[in-house]
């Protein structure tokens, strides 16, 4: 797993693109409370815990913290594009 800034910027850009694409098929996310007008990625963090577990943490603003379908969509899309060993966590917030 890479902690370089360029990787974090690349992931954030990918998430922004995924969010724009998601807006084109909103029906998939009809159960998720989302403010489509201002939905965006606020930050991407590289996390390393005290047990050596690594992950990328993606923060998305303007949707409910319980937006399960949107979180699944972002995680699955990122995992299909990046290394199979990379782990992603998505946090949604108003």
Protein backbone atom coordinates (compact mmCIF):
# COMPACT_ATOMS: atom_id res chain seq x y z
CA UNK A 1 0.00 0.00 0.00
CA UNK A 2 1.27 3.44 -0.86
CA UNK A 3 0.96 6.47 1.41
CA UNK A 4 2.15 8.97 -1.17
CA UNK A 5 0.25 12.19 -1.65
CA UNK A 6 -0.18 11.54 -5.38
CA UNK A 7 -2.06 8.31 -4.64
CA UNK A 8 -4.39 10.13 -2.23
CA UNK A 9 -5.06 12.83 -4.83
CA UNK A 10 -5.71 10.15 -7.46
CA UNK A 11 -8.19 8.35 -5.20
CA UNK A 12 -10.00 11.60 -4.40
CA UNK A 13 -10.31 12.39 -8.09
CA UNK A 14 -11.62 8.87 -8.76
CA UNK A 15 -14.21 9.26 -5.99
CA UNK A 16 -15.38 12.61 -7.41
CA UNK A 17 -15.86 10.93 -10.79
CA UNK A 18 -17.73 8.04 -9.17
CA UNK A 19 -20.04 10.48 -7.37
CA UNK A 20 -20.82 12.28 -10.64
CA UNK A 21 -21.54 8.93 -12.28
CA UNK A 22 -23.76 7.90 -9.36
CA UNK A 23 -25.86 11.02 -9.85
CA UNK A 24 -26.73 9.76 -13.34
CA UNK A 25 -28.46 6.67 -11.94
CA UNK A 26 -29.96 7.94 -8.68
CA UNK A 27 -32.58 5.18 -8.58
CA UNK A 28 -29.92 2.74 -7.39
CA UNK A 29 -29.49 4.93 -4.29
CA UNK A 30 -33.14 5.85 -3.67
CA UNK A 31 -33.00 4.50 -0.08
CA UNK A 32 -29.91 6.59 0.74
CA UNK A 33 -30.60 10.19 1.89
CA UNK A 34 -28.27 12.19 -0.37
CA UNK A 35 -27.97 15.88 -1.21
CA UNK A 36 -27.07 15.39 -4.88
CA UNK A 37 -26.54 19.12 -5.40
CA UNK A 38 -23.48 19.32 -3.15
CA UNK A 39 -22.28 15.71 -2.85
CA UNK A 40 -18.47 15.62 -2.81
CA UNK A 41 -15.36 13.98 -1.41
CA UNK A 42 -13.89 16.10 1.38
CA UNK A 43 -10.71 14.11 1.97
CA UNK A 44 -8.88 10.82 1.54
CA UNK A 45 -6.63 9.60 4.35
CA UNK A 46 -4.03 6.86 4.56
CA UNK A 47 -4.51 5.05 7.87
CA UNK A 48 -2.15 2.72 9.71
CA UNK A 49 -3.31 1.35 13.06
CA UNK A 50 -1.22 0.10 15.97
CA UNK A 51 -1.46 -3.48 14.68
CA UNK A 52 -0.06 -2.57 11.27
CA UNK A 53 -3.41 -2.70 9.47
CA UNK A 54 -3.49 -0.29 6.51
CA UNK A 55 -6.44 1.28 4.70
CA UNK A 56 -7.52 4.29 2.74
CA UNK A 57 -10.34 6.25 4.37
CA UNK A 58 -12.61 8.23 2.04
CA UNK A 59 -14.81 11.00 3.49
CA UNK A 60 -17.90 12.06 1.54
CA UNK A 61 -20.06 15.04 2.52
CA UNK A 62 -23.75 15.72 1.95
CA UNK A 63 -25.21 12.31 2.60
CA UNK A 64 -26.48 10.38 5.58
CA UNK A 65 -23.93 8.42 7.64
CA UNK A 66 -25.98 5.28 6.97
CA UNK A 67 -25.84 5.49 3.14
CA UNK A 68 -25.08 1.81 2.66
CA UNK A 69 -25.62 1.52 -1.09
CA UNK A 70 -23.48 4.57 -1.90
CA UNK A 71 -20.69 3.31 0.37
CA UNK A 72 -20.83 -0.13 -1.28
CA UNK A 73 -20.71 1.42 -4.76
CA UNK A 74 -17.64 3.53 -3.93
CA UNK A 75 -15.76 0.70 -2.20
CA UNK A 76 -16.48 -1.87 -4.93
CA UNK A 77 -15.49 0.58 -7.67
CA UNK A 78 -12.22 1.52 -5.96
CA UNK A 79 -11.35 -2.10 -5.22
CA UNK A 80 -11.85 -3.04 -8.87
CA UNK A 81 -9.46 -0.29 -9.96
CA UNK A 82 -6.70 -0.50 -7.35
CA UNK A 83 -4.52 -3.29 -5.96
CA UNK A 84 -6.54 -6.20 -4.58
CA UNK A 85 -4.69 -5.84 -1.27
CA UNK A 86 -5.77 -2.22 -0.82
CA UNK A 87 -8.58 -1.73 1.68
CA UNK A 88 -11.02 1.16 1.53
CA UNK A 89 -13.36 2.59 4.14
CA UNK A 90 -16.01 5.15 3.24
CA UNK A 91 -17.38 7.58 5.81
CA UNK A 92 -20.43 9.62 4.84
CA UNK A 93 -21.55 12.69 6.74
CA UNK A 94 -23.75 15.73 6.49
